[in-house]
Amino acid sequence: MKDTATGEPEPHEGERPKGPPLGEVLEFMRLLWAVDHGLQSTSKRMESTLGLTGPQRLVIRLVGRFPGITAGSLAQILHVHPSTLTGVLKRLEKRGLLERKSDPLDGRKALFALTEPGRALDIPSEGTVEAAVQRVLAKMSRNRILCTQDVLTALAQELGGVPAPEAQASPAESDARKSATR
């Protein structure tokens, strides 16, 4: 079958689209932009159908998995600054989906848990980013998933979105690693 706009044959499943050769770097970047666009579009659709954006849903799912989590721990899991989460947490709390309690051990910290309406949203749902990721991962071998995670982790580290493993290690682990390489 031919693409009506270009007159070129449409690519078969698994085949790369025809077009000017971009090279590995530009092709990879093109795909990253396509994923980013898909995330943004799906997030907007989720907001109109589920009443939650993609980031809000991710926070709901994480708080559901880790009741009593702090904003700092959530930020660490998501690799964002805690101030980035402030608006998301406030909106979810205002809507009655999250509850905030003071940490009995440190009154400066807040602990977050889902309310009953929040728990009702903490379930797998069609039309979400999570469902799309789950469908794709189900088609991939464990080895391909791990290789992809390695590439994305390395890229996130290079861009400063994820601390490098050395930065995550304790001082004792870092010292032991340095001694072993001498």
Protein backbone atom coordinates (compact mmCIF):
# COMPACT_ATOMS: atom_id res chain seq x y z
CA MET A 1 0.00 0.00 0.00
CA LYS A 2 1.28 3.51 -0.80
CA ASP A 3 1.26 6.57 1.39
CA THR A 4 -1.04 9.04 -0.39
CA ALA A 5 1.01 12.09 0.63
CA THR A 6 4.39 10.87 -0.62
CA GLY A 7 3.54 8.07 -3.03
CA GLU A 8 6.09 5.95 -1.15
CA PRO A 9 5.24 2.45 0.07
CA GLU A 10 4.21 2.41 3.74
CA PRO A 11 6.67 0.59 6.00
CA HIS A 12 5.75 -2.88 7.25
CA GLU A 13 5.45 -3.54 10.98
CA GLY A 14 8.86 -3.45 12.66
CA GLU A 15 10.41 -1.70 9.64
CA ARG A 16 11.90 1.76 10.03
CA PRO A 17 10.05 4.52 8.15
CA LYS A 18 11.50 5.68 4.86
CA GLY A 19 12.90 9.16 4.69
CA PRO A 20 16.20 10.92 4.63
CA PRO A 21 18.90 9.06 6.54
CA LEU A 22 19.35 10.81 9.86
CA GLY A 23 22.12 8.81 11.48
CA GLU A 24 21.94 7.15 14.87
CA VAL A 25 22.01 10.30 17.02
CA LEU A 26 19.34 12.28 15.14
CA GLU A 27 17.15 9.18 14.70
CA PHE A 28 17.36 8.47 18.44
CA MET A 29 16.53 12.10 19.24
CA ARG A 30 13.61 12.01 16.79
CA LEU A 31 12.22 8.98 18.63
CA LEU A 32 12.70 10.63 22.03
CA TRP A 33 10.72 13.65 20.80
CA ALA A 34 8.02 11.30 19.52
CA VAL A 35 7.82 9.62 22.95
CA ASP A 36 7.70 13.03 24.67
CA HIS A 37 4.92 14.17 22.33
CA GLY A 38 3.02 10.95 23.01
CA LEU A 39 3.41 11.40 26.76
CA GLN A 40 2.09 14.97 26.59
CA SER A 41 -0.85 14.04 24.31
CA THR A 42 -1.82 11.04 26.42
CA SER A 43 -1.55 13.12 29.60
CA LYS A 44 -3.98 15.69 28.17
CA ARG A 45 -6.39 12.93 27.11
CA MET A 46 -6.13 11.36 30.58
CA GLU A 47 -7.02 14.67 32.17
CA SER A 48 -10.21 14.93 30.12
CA THR A 49 -11.22 11.27 30.53
CA LEU A 50 -9.90 10.30 34.00
CA GLY A 51 -9.59 13.73 35.57
CA LEU A 52 -5.86 13.20 36.18
CA THR A 53 -2.78 14.16 34.18
CA GLY A 54 -0.03 11.61 33.62
CA PRO A 55 2.19 13.05 36.39
CA GLN A 56 -0.78 13.23 38.82
CA ARG A 57 -1.65 9.60 38.10
CA LEU A 58 1.96 8.53 38.62
CA VAL A 59 1.95 10.25 42.03
CA ILE A 60 -1.35 8.51 42.92
CA ARG A 61 0.13 5.13 41.93
CA LEU A 62 3.34 5.73 43.89
CA VAL A 63 1.57 6.99 47.03
CA GLY A 64 -0.72 3.94 46.75
CA ARG A 65 2.33 1.69 46.65
CA PHE A 66 4.13 3.57 49.46
CA PRO A 67 1.54 4.93 51.95
CA GLY A 68 3.07 7.47 54.32
CA ILE A 69 5.72 8.54 51.79
CA THR A 70 7.31 11.98 52.11
CA ALA A 71 7.45 14.54 49.31
CA GLY A 72 11.24 14.20 49.38
CA SER A 73 11.07 10.44 48.84
CA LEU A 74 8.55 10.88 46.02
CA ALA A 75 10.83 13.46 44.40
CA GLN A 76 13.78 11.08 44.71
CA ILE A 77 11.85 8.23 43.05
CA LEU A 78 10.73 10.55 40.24
CA HIS A 79 14.16 12.21 39.87
CA VAL A 80 12.72 15.71 40.30
CA HIS A 81 13.28 18.52 42.78
CA PRO A 82 10.73 18.44 45.65
CA SER A 83 9.47 21.91 44.65
CA THR A 84 8.49 20.42 41.28
CA LEU A 85 6.02 18.15 43.09
CA THR A 86 4.51 20.82 45.31
CA GLY A 87 1.83 21.86 42.82
CA VAL A 88 0.90 18.27 41.94
CA LEU A 89 0.61 17.30 45.61
CA LYS A 90 -1.44 20.41 46.48
CA ARG A 91 -3.86 19.84 43.57
CA LEU A 92 -4.35 16.17 44.52
CA GLU A 93 -4.84 17.11 48.17
CA LYS A 94 -7.31 19.89 47.28
CA ARG A 95 -9.32 17.39 45.20
CA GLY A 96 -9.47 15.06 48.19
CA LEU A 97 -7.37 12.32 46.58
CA LEU A 98 -4.38 12.64 48.94
CA GLU A 99 -4.19 13.33 52.64
CA ARG A 100 -1.24 14.99 54.33
CA LYS A 101 -0.24 14.20 57.90
CA SER A 102 2.66 15.50 59.95
CA ASP A 103 5.51 13.06 60.46
CA PRO A 104 5.41 12.16 64.19
CA LEU A 105 9.22 11.85 64.19
CA ASP A 106 9.87 15.12 62.37
CA GLY A 107 7.05 17.68 62.38
CA ARG A 108 8.70 19.55 59.47
CA LYS A 109 7.96 16.64 57.14
CA ALA A 110 4.59 15.71 55.69
CA LEU A 111 3.54 12.13 55.03
CA PHE A 112 1.14 11.44 52.15
CA ALA A 113 -1.47 8.72 51.82
CA LEU A 114 -4.41 8.12 49.50
CA THR A 115 -7.93 8.92 50.60
CA GLU A 116 -10.80 6.61 49.69
CA PRO A 117 -11.44 8.48 46.38
CA GLY A 118 -7.67 8.37 45.73
CA ARG A 119 -7.60 4.60 46.28
CA ALA A 120 -10.44 4.25 43.76
CA LEU A 121 -8.09 5.76 41.13
CA ASP A 122 -5.11 3.60 42.15
CA ILE A 123 -6.00 0.78 39.77
CA PRO A 124 -4.80 -0.16 36.28
CA SER A 125 -6.80 1.83 33.73
CA GLU A 126 -7.01 1.85 29.96
CA GLY A 127 -6.09 5.03 28.16
CA THR A 128 -3.17 5.79 30.47
CA VAL A 129 0.55 6.08 29.82
CA GLU A 130 0.98 3.18 32.22
CA ALA A 131 -1.31 0.93 30.13
CA ALA A 132 0.60 1.80 26.94
CA VAL A 133 3.94 1.04 28.61
CA GLN A 134 2.57 -2.23 29.95
CA ARG A 135 1.36 -3.30 26.47
CA VAL A 136 4.73 -2.52 24.91
CA LEU A 137 6.77 -4.21 27.65
CA ALA A 138 4.60 -7.34 27.35
CA LYS A 139 5.81 -7.68 23.74
CA MET A 140 9.51 -7.34 24.62
CA SER A 141 12.00 -9.85 25.94
CA ARG A 142 13.44 -9.23 29.39
CA ASN A 143 16.85 -8.68 27.78
CA ARG A 144 15.51 -5.96 25.44
CA ILE A 145 13.79 -4.23 28.35
CA LEU A 146 16.99 -4.25 30.43
CA CYS A 147 19.07 -2.97 27.49
CA THR A 148 16.56 -0.17 26.87
CA GLN A 149 16.59 0.74 30.57
CA ASP A 150 20.39 0.87 30.44
CA VAL A 151 20.34 3.28 27.47
CA LEU A 152 17.66 5.50 29.00
CA THR A 153 19.43 5.54 32.39
CA ALA A 154 22.74 6.49 30.76
CA LEU A 155 21.03 9.25 28.78
CA ALA A 156 19.22 10.55 31.88
CA GLN A 157 22.53 10.58 33.75
CA GLU A 158 24.28 12.40 30.90
CA LEU A 159 21.51 15.01 30.86
CA GLY A 160 21.64 15.37 34.64
CA GLY A 161 18.16 13.93 35.27
CA VAL A 162 19.45 10.95 37.25
CA PRO A 163 22.49 10.94 39.52
CA ALA A 164 25.37 8.78 38.32
CA PRO A 165 25.92 5.58 40.35
CA GLU A 166 28.99 7.12 42.05
CA ALA A 167 26.80 9.99 43.32
CA GLN A 168 24.27 7.50 44.72
CA ALA A 169 26.85 5.43 46.62
CA SER A 170 27.54 6.04 50.29
CA PRO A 171 30.92 7.60 51.16
CA ALA A 172 32.13 4.19 52.44
CA GLU A 173 31.14 2.51 49.14
CA SER A 174 32.87 5.25 47.14
CA ASP A 175 36.06 4.89 49.23
CA ALA A 176 36.00 1.11 48.80
CA ARG A 177 35.57 1.50 45.03
CA LYS A 178 38.49 3.97 44.86
CA SER A 179 40.72 1.62 46.87
CA ALA A 180 39.88 -1.33 44.64
CA THR A 181 40.92 0.59 41.50
CA ARG A 182 44.32 1.66 42.90
